[in-house]
Protein backbone atom coordinates (compact mmCIF):
# COMPACT_ATOMS: atom_id res chain seq x y z
CA MET A 1 -0.55 -21.83 -18.06
CA PRO A 2 -3.19 -23.85 -16.14
CA PRO A 3 -4.99 -22.16 -13.24
CA CYS A 4 -3.06 -22.33 -10.00
CA ASN A 5 -3.37 -21.46 -6.34
CA VAL A 6 -2.60 -17.99 -4.99
CA LEU A 7 -1.00 -17.00 -1.70
CA PHE A 8 -1.45 -13.25 -1.28
CA LEU A 9 0.64 -11.55 1.41
CA MET A 10 0.14 -7.91 2.36
CA THR A 11 1.51 -5.51 4.94
CA ASP A 12 0.40 -2.05 5.98
CA GLN A 13 2.47 1.12 5.71
CA HIS A 14 5.59 -0.63 4.42
CA ARG A 15 8.48 1.34 2.94
CA VAL A 16 10.24 -0.17 -0.07
CA ASP A 17 13.67 0.76 1.29
CA THR A 18 13.31 -1.54 4.31
CA LEU A 19 13.83 -4.70 2.25
CA GLY A 20 17.14 -6.25 1.36
CA CYS A 21 15.91 -7.10 -2.13
CA TYR A 22 15.29 -3.39 -2.69
CA GLY A 23 18.79 -2.44 -1.60
CA ASN A 24 18.74 -2.06 2.20
CA PRO A 25 22.16 -3.35 3.35
CA VAL A 26 21.22 -3.67 7.04
CA VAL A 27 17.68 -4.97 7.45
CA SER A 28 17.34 -8.77 7.47
CA THR A 29 14.46 -9.89 5.25
CA PRO A 30 15.54 -13.35 4.05
CA ALA A 31 12.04 -14.65 3.29
CA LEU A 32 11.02 -11.74 1.09
CA ASP A 33 14.47 -11.59 -0.47
CA SER A 34 14.14 -15.25 -1.45
CA LEU A 35 10.71 -14.57 -2.94
CA ALA A 36 12.18 -11.73 -4.99
CA ALA A 37 15.07 -13.92 -6.13
CA ASP A 38 12.63 -16.61 -7.30
CA GLY A 39 10.09 -14.31 -8.93
CA THR A 40 9.60 -10.82 -10.33
CA ARG A 41 10.59 -7.72 -8.40
CA PHE A 42 8.77 -4.62 -9.61
CA ASP A 43 10.84 -1.49 -9.07
CA SER A 44 8.08 0.96 -10.10
CA PHE A 45 5.11 -0.43 -8.21
CA TYR A 46 2.61 2.08 -6.82
CA THR A 47 -0.47 2.33 -4.69
CA PRO A 48 -3.44 4.07 -6.37
CA THR A 49 -3.82 6.15 -3.19
CA ALA A 50 -1.75 6.25 -0.01
CA ILE A 51 -4.52 5.54 2.48
CA CYS A 52 -5.64 2.11 3.71
CA THR A 53 -9.32 1.69 2.89
CA PRO A 54 -9.33 3.28 -0.59
CA ALA A 55 -6.19 1.36 -1.61
CA ARG A 56 -7.53 -1.98 -0.33
CA ALA A 57 -10.90 -1.34 -1.98
CA SER A 58 -9.10 -0.70 -5.28
CA LEU A 59 -7.33 -4.05 -4.94
CA PHE A 60 -10.65 -5.76 -4.15
CA THR A 61 -12.68 -4.14 -6.95
CA GLY A 62 -10.07 -3.45 -9.61
CA GLN A 63 -11.25 0.15 -9.78
CA HIS A 64 -9.83 3.59 -9.14
CA PRO A 65 -10.89 5.10 -5.79
CA PHE A 66 -13.07 7.79 -7.36
CA ARG A 67 -15.02 4.96 -9.05
CA HIS A 68 -15.57 2.60 -6.13
CA GLY A 69 -16.25 5.55 -3.82
CA LEU A 70 -14.48 4.42 -0.64
CA LEU A 71 -12.36 7.55 -0.51
CA VAL A 72 -11.24 7.60 3.13
CA ASN A 73 -10.88 5.29 6.10
CA PRO A 74 -14.19 4.66 7.88
CA GLU A 75 -12.72 6.05 11.11
CA ARG A 76 -12.22 9.43 9.41
CA ASN A 77 -15.19 9.36 7.08
CA GLY A 78 -16.34 12.74 5.86
CA GLY A 79 -19.32 11.59 3.82
CA ALA A 80 -17.88 9.07 1.35
CA ARG A 81 -19.09 5.48 0.98
CA ASP A 82 -18.62 3.16 3.95
CA GLU A 83 -19.02 -0.11 2.08
CA VAL A 84 -18.31 -1.44 -1.39
CA GLU A 85 -21.37 -1.00 -3.61
CA ASP A 86 -23.37 -4.19 -4.06
CA SER A 87 -22.93 -4.06 -7.83
CA ALA A 88 -19.14 -3.64 -7.69
CA PRO A 89 -17.01 -6.34 -9.37
CA VAL A 90 -15.39 -7.71 -6.19
CA LEU A 91 -12.51 -10.14 -6.61
CA SER A 92 -14.09 -12.86 -4.51
CA ALA A 93 -17.15 -13.42 -6.72
CA PRO A 94 -15.51 -14.80 -9.91
CA LEU A 95 -13.04 -16.89 -7.91
CA LEU A 96 -15.81 -18.52 -5.87
CA GLU A 97 -17.77 -19.11 -9.05
CA ALA A 98 -14.70 -20.80 -10.53
CA GLY A 99 -14.64 -23.20 -7.60
CA TYR A 100 -11.81 -21.70 -5.56
CA ASP A 101 -11.43 -22.11 -1.83
CA LEU A 102 -11.13 -18.52 -0.66
CA GLY A 103 -9.74 -17.36 2.67
CA HIS A 104 -8.73 -14.05 4.22
CA VAL A 105 -6.84 -13.67 7.50
CA GLY A 106 -5.89 -10.39 9.13
CA LYS A 107 -6.48 -6.78 8.28
CA TRP A 108 -9.51 -6.14 6.08
CA HIS A 109 -10.32 -2.44 6.46
CA ILE A 110 -12.35 -2.24 3.28
CA GLY A 111 -15.74 -1.55 4.81
CA ARG A 112 -17.00 -0.52 8.20
CA THR A 113 -19.09 -3.62 9.01
CA ARG A 114 -18.76 -6.01 6.05
CA GLY A 115 -15.82 -8.32 6.40
CA PRO A 116 -14.45 -11.22 4.35
CA GLU A 117 -17.21 -13.56 5.49
CA PHE A 118 -19.80 -11.22 3.93
CA TYR A 119 -18.21 -11.96 0.55
CA GLY A 120 -18.21 -15.75 1.02
CA MET A 121 -14.62 -16.01 2.19
CA ASP A 122 -13.28 -18.10 5.07
CA GLY A 123 -12.06 -15.77 7.77
CA GLU A 124 -13.07 -13.43 10.54
CA HIS A 125 -13.60 -9.69 10.19
CA LEU A 126 -10.90 -7.98 12.21
CA SER A 127 -12.14 -4.43 11.89
CA GLY A 128 -10.18 -1.25 12.30
CA ALA A 129 -6.91 0.23 11.18
CA LEU A 130 -4.55 -1.08 13.88
CA ASN A 131 -3.64 -4.40 15.46
CA PRO A 132 -6.80 -5.61 17.30
CA PHE A 133 -4.97 -6.60 20.49
CA HIS A 134 -8.19 -6.95 22.45
CA HIS A 135 -10.21 -8.90 19.91
CA PRO A 136 -12.00 -11.85 21.62
CA SER A 137 -10.56 -14.41 19.20
CA TYR A 138 -7.00 -13.27 19.82
CA GLU A 139 -7.44 -13.15 23.58
CA ALA A 140 -9.01 -16.62 23.57
CA TRP A 141 -6.00 -17.90 21.61
CA LEU A 142 -3.62 -16.31 24.13
CA ASN A 143 -5.48 -17.95 27.00
CA ALA A 144 -5.50 -21.35 25.29
CA LYS A 145 -1.75 -21.13 24.67
CA GLY A 146 -0.96 -19.76 28.11
CA TYR A 147 0.55 -16.61 26.63
CA PRO A 148 0.50 -13.24 28.42
CA ARG A 149 -2.04 -10.66 27.27
CA PHE A 150 -1.13 -7.49 25.40
CA ALA A 151 0.88 -5.00 27.47
CA VAL A 152 3.33 -2.26 26.50
CA LYS A 153 5.94 -0.29 28.43
CA ASP A 154 8.27 2.59 27.60
CA GLY A 155 5.87 4.18 25.14
CA VAL A 156 7.34 6.83 22.83
CA PHE A 157 4.95 9.71 22.25
CA GLY A 158 5.04 12.87 20.20
CA ALA A 159 3.99 16.25 21.56
CA ALA A 160 0.56 17.70 20.87
CA PRO A 161 1.08 21.01 19.03
CA ASN A 162 -1.73 22.70 20.95
CA GLY A 163 0.12 22.14 24.22
CA LEU A 164 -2.72 20.14 25.76
CA GLY A 165 -0.75 16.97 26.35
CA ARG A 166 1.25 14.27 24.67
CA GLY A 167 0.79 13.50 21.00
CA HIS A 168 0.53 10.24 19.10
CA LEU A 169 2.03 6.97 20.34
CA ILE A 170 4.84 6.07 17.93
CA ALA A 171 6.54 3.04 19.51
CA GLY A 172 6.75 0.90 22.63
CA ARG A 173 8.10 -2.35 24.05
CA LEU A 174 5.57 -5.16 23.74
CA GLN A 175 5.56 -7.35 26.85
CA GLN A 176 4.85 -10.59 25.02
CA PRO A 177 7.10 -13.26 23.49
CA VAL A 178 7.34 -13.28 19.72
CA GLU A 179 5.19 -16.39 19.44
CA ALA A 180 2.34 -14.56 21.22
CA THR A 181 2.26 -11.51 18.95
CA MET A 182 -0.67 -10.64 16.74
CA GLU A 183 1.61 -11.26 13.74
CA ALA A 184 2.29 -14.83 14.88
CA TYR A 185 -1.41 -15.36 15.59
CA LEU A 186 -2.45 -14.27 12.09
CA THR A 187 0.19 -16.49 10.54
CA GLY A 188 -1.06 -19.43 12.59
CA GLN A 189 -4.64 -18.81 11.46
CA SER A 190 -3.41 -18.74 7.86
CA LEU A 191 -1.56 -22.03 8.32
CA GLU A 192 -4.73 -23.69 9.58
CA LEU A 193 -6.60 -22.63 6.46
CA LEU A 194 -3.66 -23.65 4.31
CA ASP A 195 -3.79 -27.16 5.75
CA ARG A 196 -7.45 -27.50 4.78
CA TYR A 197 -6.90 -26.01 1.33
CA ALA A 198 -3.88 -28.25 0.72
CA ASP A 199 -5.98 -31.32 1.46
CA ASN A 200 -8.65 -30.15 -0.99
CA TRP A 201 -6.04 -29.42 -3.65
CA HIS A 202 -4.33 -32.77 -3.37
CA SER A 203 -7.51 -34.84 -3.04
CA GLU A 204 -9.90 -33.00 -5.35
CA GLY A 205 -7.73 -30.63 -7.40
CA LYS A 206 -9.66 -27.72 -5.89
CA PRO A 207 -7.62 -24.50 -6.20
CA PHE A 208 -7.42 -21.85 -3.50
CA MET A 209 -6.58 -18.23 -2.87
CA LEU A 210 -5.43 -17.49 0.66
CA SER A 211 -4.67 -13.94 1.82
CA CYS A 212 -2.75 -13.06 4.96
CA HIS A 213 -2.73 -9.32 5.70
CA TRP A 214 -0.64 -8.22 8.68
CA PHE A 215 -1.45 -4.92 10.38
CA GLY A 216 2.23 -3.96 10.66
CA PRO A 217 4.67 -2.40 10.23
CA HIS A 218 2.11 0.41 10.61
CA LEU A 219 2.83 2.66 13.57
CA PRO A 220 2.75 2.47 16.53
CA TYR A 221 5.67 0.06 16.48
CA LEU A 222 4.75 -2.18 19.43
CA ILE A 223 7.10 -5.15 19.25
CA PRO A 224 9.01 -7.42 21.66
CA ASP A 225 12.46 -6.42 22.92
CA GLU A 226 14.11 -8.98 20.63
CA TYR A 227 13.07 -6.93 17.60
CA TYR A 228 12.86 -3.54 19.30
CA ASP A 229 16.61 -3.67 19.91
CA MET A 230 17.61 -5.74 16.87
CA TYR A 231 19.22 -2.88 14.96
CA ASP A 232 21.82 -0.47 16.22
CA PRO A 233 20.55 3.10 15.70
CA ALA A 234 24.10 4.02 14.70
CA SER A 235 23.60 1.91 11.56
CA VAL A 236 20.53 3.93 10.55
CA PRO A 237 21.06 6.86 8.17
CA LEU A 238 18.59 9.69 8.59
CA PRO A 239 16.43 10.29 5.50
CA ALA A 240 17.94 12.94 3.24
CA SER A 241 14.52 14.59 3.01
CA MET A 242 14.65 15.46 6.70
CA ALA A 243 16.26 18.60 5.27
CA GLU A 244 12.74 19.61 4.17
CA THR A 245 11.96 23.31 4.63
CA PHE A 246 8.47 23.25 3.03
CA ALA A 247 9.50 26.30 1.00
CA GLY A 248 7.26 26.60 -2.05
CA LYS A 249 5.18 23.62 -0.91
CA PRO A 250 1.50 23.36 0.12
CA ASP A 251 1.13 24.61 3.68
CA VAL A 252 -0.79 21.47 4.65
CA GLN A 253 2.52 19.61 4.73
CA ARG A 254 3.89 21.92 7.42
CA ARG A 255 0.66 21.53 9.37
CA TYR A 256 0.90 17.75 9.11
CA ALA A 257 4.46 17.89 10.43
CA GLU A 258 3.11 19.79 13.43
CA TYR A 259 0.25 17.31 13.88
CA TRP A 260 2.66 14.37 14.01
CA SER A 261 5.21 16.41 16.03
CA ALA A 262 8.01 15.04 13.87
CA ASP A 263 10.32 17.84 15.01
CA ALA A 264 9.85 16.80 18.64
CA PHE A 265 12.43 14.05 18.05
CA ASP A 266 16.11 14.82 17.54
CA GLY A 267 18.40 12.86 15.23
CA ASP A 268 19.25 10.19 17.77
CA ALA A 269 15.59 9.66 18.65
CA TRP A 270 14.67 9.33 14.98
CA ARG A 271 17.45 6.82 14.37
CA LYS A 272 16.06 4.69 17.19
CA LEU A 273 12.48 4.96 15.89
CA ILE A 274 13.56 3.96 12.40
CA ALA A 275 15.62 1.09 13.86
CA VAL A 276 12.48 -0.12 15.68
CA TYR A 277 10.50 0.14 12.44
CA TRP A 278 13.16 -2.00 10.78
CA GLY A 279 12.81 -4.52 13.59
CA TYR A 280 9.08 -4.68 12.93
CA VAL A 281 9.79 -5.40 9.26
CA THR A 282 12.11 -8.26 10.17
CA MET A 283 9.55 -9.69 12.59
CA ILE A 284 6.96 -9.82 9.81
CA ASP A 285 9.50 -11.28 7.40
CA HIS A 286 9.89 -14.20 9.80
CA GLN A 287 6.14 -14.81 9.57
CA VAL A 288 6.32 -14.64 5.77
CA GLY A 289 8.99 -17.34 5.95
CA ARG A 290 6.67 -19.61 7.94
CA LEU A 291 4.06 -19.42 5.17
CA LEU A 292 6.53 -19.92 2.32
CA ASP A 293 8.04 -22.92 4.10
CA ALA A 294 4.55 -24.35 4.60
CA LEU A 295 3.85 -24.15 0.86
CA LYS A 296 6.94 -26.24 0.18
CA GLU A 297 6.31 -28.70 3.01
CA ARG A 298 2.74 -29.30 1.85
CA GLY A 299 3.75 -29.88 -1.76
CA LEU A 300 2.17 -26.64 -3.03
CA TRP A 301 5.18 -24.61 -4.13
CA ASP A 302 5.09 -25.64 -7.78
CA ASP A 303 1.34 -25.02 -8.04
CA THR A 304 0.99 -21.72 -6.18
CA ALA A 305 1.52 -18.12 -7.24
CA VAL A 306 2.80 -15.90 -4.41
CA VAL A 307 2.25 -12.14 -4.24
CA PHE A 308 3.70 -9.76 -1.67
CA THR A 309 2.86 -6.07 -1.51
CA ALA A 310 1.60 -3.31 0.81
CA ASP A 311 -1.31 -0.90 0.74
CA HIS A 312 1.06 2.10 0.92
CA GLY A 313 4.33 3.27 2.45
CA GLU A 314 5.20 5.36 5.48
CA PHE A 315 7.18 8.54 6.12
CA THR A 316 9.13 7.61 9.30
CA GLY A 317 10.58 11.11 9.46
CA SER A 318 11.05 11.68 5.73
CA HIS A 319 10.08 15.24 4.82
CA ARG A 320 9.73 15.84 8.58
CA LEU A 321 6.50 13.83 8.40
CA ASN A 322 5.17 10.64 9.90
CA ASP A 323 2.42 8.16 9.05
CA LYS A 324 0.96 9.18 5.65
CA GLY A 325 -1.21 12.06 4.45
CA PRO A 326 -1.73 14.82 1.89
CA ALA A 327 1.75 14.74 0.37
CA MET A 328 2.31 12.55 -2.70
CA TYR A 329 5.96 11.66 -2.13
CA GLU A 330 7.59 8.42 -3.21
CA ASP A 331 7.96 7.43 0.45
CA ILE A 332 4.27 6.57 0.67
CA TYR A 333 3.21 6.01 -2.98
CA ARG A 334 5.91 3.61 -4.16
CA ILE A 335 5.40 0.19 -2.58
CA PRO A 336 6.94 -3.29 -2.69
CA GLY A 337 5.74 -5.50 -5.52
CA LEU A 338 6.99 -9.10 -5.53
CA VAL A 339 5.23 -11.74 -7.62
CA ARG A 340 6.27 -15.35 -8.15
CA ILE A 341 4.42 -17.39 -10.78
CA PRO A 342 5.32 -21.09 -11.10
CA GLY A 343 7.28 -21.64 -14.28
CA CYS A 344 8.19 -17.97 -14.81
CA ARG A 345 11.85 -17.00 -14.71
CA PRO A 346 13.19 -14.62 -12.03
CA GLN A 347 13.56 -11.02 -13.21
CA VAL A 348 13.55 -7.38 -12.20
CA ARG A 349 11.09 -5.13 -14.04
CA ASP A 350 10.79 -1.36 -14.08
CA ASP A 351 7.33 -1.34 -15.65
CA PHE A 352 4.86 0.98 -13.96
CA ALA A 353 2.20 -1.06 -12.18
CA THR A 354 -0.27 -0.60 -9.32
CA LEU A 355 -2.36 -2.55 -6.84
CA ILE A 356 -5.28 -2.29 -9.25
CA ASP A 357 -3.36 -4.44 -11.75
CA LEU A 358 -3.18 -7.28 -9.23
CA TYR A 359 -6.95 -7.73 -9.46
CA ALA A 360 -6.71 -8.52 -13.18
CA THR A 361 -3.50 -10.50 -12.68
CA ILE A 362 -5.02 -12.84 -10.10
CA LEU A 363 -8.03 -13.53 -12.31
CA ASP A 364 -5.70 -14.14 -15.24
CA VAL A 365 -3.66 -16.61 -13.19
CA ALA A 366 -6.92 -18.36 -12.27
CA GLU A 367 -7.97 -18.38 -15.95
CA VAL A 368 -11.07 -16.42 -15.03
CA PRO A 369 -12.27 -13.64 -17.39
CA VAL A 370 -11.44 -10.13 -16.22
CA PRO A 371 -14.55 -7.88 -16.05
CA ASP A 372 -14.74 -5.13 -18.65
CA ASP A 373 -15.08 -2.48 -15.95
CA CYS A 374 -11.71 -3.35 -14.39
CA ASP A 375 -9.42 -0.30 -14.46
CA GLY A 376 -6.20 -2.32 -14.27
CA ARG A 377 -4.60 -4.80 -16.61
CA SER A 378 -3.07 -8.18 -16.05
CA LEU A 379 0.65 -8.29 -15.34
CA LEU A 380 0.91 -11.92 -16.44
CA PRO A 381 2.56 -11.04 -19.78
CA VAL A 382 5.17 -9.00 -17.92
CA LEU A 383 5.63 -11.75 -15.33
CA SER A 384 6.14 -14.21 -18.19
CA GLY A 385 9.06 -12.10 -19.40
CA GLU A 386 7.53 -10.48 -22.43
CA PRO A 387 9.24 -7.33 -23.77
CA ALA A 388 8.35 -4.01 -22.23
CA ASP A 389 6.91 -2.62 -25.46
CA GLY A 390 3.48 -1.13 -24.92
CA THR A 391 3.82 -0.79 -21.15
CA ARG A 392 2.85 2.36 -19.29
CA GLU A 393 5.00 5.44 -19.60
CA GLU A 394 3.48 6.98 -16.48
CA VAL A 395 1.41 6.29 -13.38
CA VAL A 396 -1.50 8.45 -12.19
CA THR A 397 -2.71 8.36 -8.59
CA GLU A 398 -5.28 10.17 -6.47
CA PHE A 399 -5.96 11.23 -2.88
CA HIS A 400 -9.15 12.45 -1.23
CA GLY A 401 -8.16 13.14 2.37
CA HIS A 402 -7.59 11.42 5.68
CA HIS A 403 -8.19 13.53 8.77
CA PHE A 404 -10.04 16.03 6.58
CA PRO A 405 -11.08 16.24 2.91
CA TYR A 406 -8.16 17.13 0.69
CA SER A 407 -8.07 16.43 -3.02
CA GLN A 408 -4.88 15.66 -4.97
CA ARG A 409 -3.90 14.03 -8.26
CA MET A 410 -0.43 12.99 -9.33
CA ILE A 411 1.25 11.97 -12.57
CA ARG A 412 4.73 10.50 -12.50
CA ASP A 413 6.82 9.43 -15.47
CA ARG A 414 10.38 8.20 -15.67
CA ARG A 415 11.90 11.52 -14.68
CA HIS A 416 9.30 13.98 -13.44
CA LYS A 417 6.39 14.12 -11.05
CA LEU A 418 3.54 16.63 -11.09
CA VAL A 419 1.22 16.91 -8.10
CA TYR A 420 -2.02 18.78 -8.69
CA ASN A 421 -3.34 20.49 -5.53
CA PRO A 422 -6.56 22.37 -6.40
CA ASP A 423 -6.64 24.40 -3.19
CA SER A 424 -2.92 25.11 -2.90
CA VAL A 425 0.27 25.43 -4.95
CA ASN A 426 1.01 22.66 -7.40
CA GLU A 427 4.25 20.69 -7.23
CA LEU A 428 6.75 19.57 -9.85
CA TYR A 429 9.84 17.51 -9.10
CA ASP A 430 12.75 16.53 -11.33
CA LEU A 431 13.55 13.13 -9.86
CA ASP A 432 16.82 12.78 -11.74
CA VAL A 433 18.40 15.81 -10.08
CA ASP A 434 16.20 15.88 -6.95
CA PRO A 435 15.40 12.25 -6.01
CA HIS A 436 14.33 13.27 -2.52
CA GLU A 437 11.70 15.71 -3.82
CA LEU A 438 12.92 18.69 -1.85
CA HIS A 439 12.71 21.37 -4.55
CA ASN A 440 9.40 22.32 -6.12
CA VAL A 441 10.24 23.60 -9.61
CA HIS A 442 6.63 24.03 -10.75
CA ASP A 443 7.05 27.75 -11.38
CA ALA A 444 10.64 27.66 -12.60
CA PRO A 445 10.85 29.02 -16.17
CA ALA A 446 13.32 26.31 -17.16
CA TYR A 447 10.62 23.69 -16.46
CA ALA A 448 7.74 25.44 -18.20
CA HIS A 449 7.64 22.90 -21.03
CA VAL A 450 7.70 19.99 -18.59
CA ARG A 451 4.94 21.56 -16.51
CA ARG A 452 2.74 22.10 -19.59
CA ASP A 453 3.37 18.59 -20.88
CA LEU A 454 2.63 16.82 -17.59
CA THR A 455 -0.40 19.00 -16.84
CA THR A 456 -1.88 18.24 -20.24
CA ARG A 457 -1.18 14.51 -19.90
CA LEU A 458 -2.72 14.44 -16.43
CA TYR A 459 -5.79 16.27 -17.68
CA GLN A 460 -6.19 13.90 -20.60
CA GLU A 461 -5.88 10.84 -18.38
CA LEU A 462 -8.40 12.14 -15.84
CA LEU A 463 -10.75 12.95 -18.70
CA ARG A 464 -10.30 9.43 -20.11
CA ARG A 465 -11.02 7.86 -16.74
CA GLY A 466 -14.00 10.08 -16.05
CA ASP A 467 -12.43 11.40 -12.86
CA PRO A 468 -14.39 14.58 -12.03
CA ALA A 469 -11.13 16.29 -11.07
CA TYR A 470 -10.63 17.08 -14.76
CA THR A 471 -13.46 19.66 -14.66
CA TRP A 472 -11.51 22.00 -12.41
CA MET A 473 -8.43 21.57 -14.56
CA SER A 474 -10.44 22.53 -17.67
CA TYR A 475 -10.59 26.14 -16.55
CA MET A 476 -7.80 26.42 -13.99
CA SER A 477 -4.78 24.70 -15.53
CA ASP A 478 -2.29 25.40 -18.27
CA ILE A 479 -3.44 22.68 -20.67
CA GLY A 480 -3.00 24.52 -23.95
CA SER A 481 -5.15 26.86 -25.99
CA ASP A 482 -6.20 24.04 -28.31
CA ARG A 483 -8.21 22.46 -25.50
CA ALA A 484 -11.58 24.27 -25.16
CA PRO A 485 -13.05 24.01 -21.64
CA ASP A 486 -16.29 22.37 -22.71
CA VAL A 487 -16.89 20.53 -19.44
CA ASP A 488 -20.66 20.29 -19.86
CA GLY A 489 -20.64 19.18 -23.47
CA VAL A 490 -22.92 22.05 -24.55
CA ALA A 491 -20.60 25.00 -25.05
CA ASP A 492 -20.53 24.65 -28.82
CA GLU A 493 -24.34 24.78 -28.97
CA VAL A 494 -24.65 28.10 -27.16
CA ALA A 495 -24.41 31.28 -29.23
């Protein structure tokens, strides 16, 4: 296929089960559902790590987090890299060299001070993890439009576990009309760039890649009444994993539940919070629709690939947790993956894929060579409908901490998931019989063969990648007597 344009759409902390195309019977997401119906819906799409900066840096560099070194968000940095290394194979460089117009609007959150403009992209660096309601550009736009400034009432807070006051803000009623929201502003900025890029495409044949990254539906859910009250809490089922007891699980999960005061809300309160989260999803879907309509109106639909995904998911009460953190459950590791390539037939695929693969896929779509040091692989053959032979049988992810350093590795195949926690108990889940990951069967005798198999496969994959986590496993894990723990490469030379 000839090189084409790319519209890349991304949200933050977005659960798969909030989209109609992924089976939610209540939430209205017509724009994303139409994208799924016209393209490929990946049902086994994963983030390489469920934390914003490392995940976004993996998308931007095509590398695993342990390789690019941005292991945590800058706001919680415990000594890891703050910026992408100068020598890293960033996605922008080969596209600019190939003559692409390149724009980024919205959340960046890859480095502390370097934004999209540092990498030669059109766009302004909106730093930080959350909606920048007080950014000068946004406030100037509000003033020019005559819109009211950011204000919230009826805030919903947790309870601080140390008894020293209220906990985190979870939701609130935004006192602005929908057209004045940060989400609408970012969409408008994207449309302005799209107009310029469309002119260049039609007049000069110059291709473009335009990214619009919304900050939502990340908590706190601060949205106008129209969306805050869109869904009846009575229509919201509570997550089955709210039955979590943390029995046989790493104690950090219980501590995180306390930190987010998830148990401070009763069932009715949680139904309302989830309903508000759903409203936030629908509000963003409306903005997605504006961009998809603009592609068609500007004569770009048949020449533009469209990608929609998220950096990671969110708990919203699942496992008595909120936000994300040191627990490698499907709620935060499995993410939406919708890709439409002009000329490719609609389909649903269950192939394992990750954000890292999108780096190689975009370059492939642009007919630009993929660097040898890319850790992902292009999904274009899958998107073109090729058979699933030779696709991954598993996905391996990593985590390095958020509020504090905490190392984890996970391997997940079609039925089982093993989570390796070096400083706590390990976890093993049989997803066929326990889809909500409530029962840790790591030490159950009936699963000994599964535990040994997954542990060995995880070790071998970490060793192949060069992930230093394999060194601990060499001596501390059940990987089989045929594997000598020669982590330094000199054991055989010592008498």
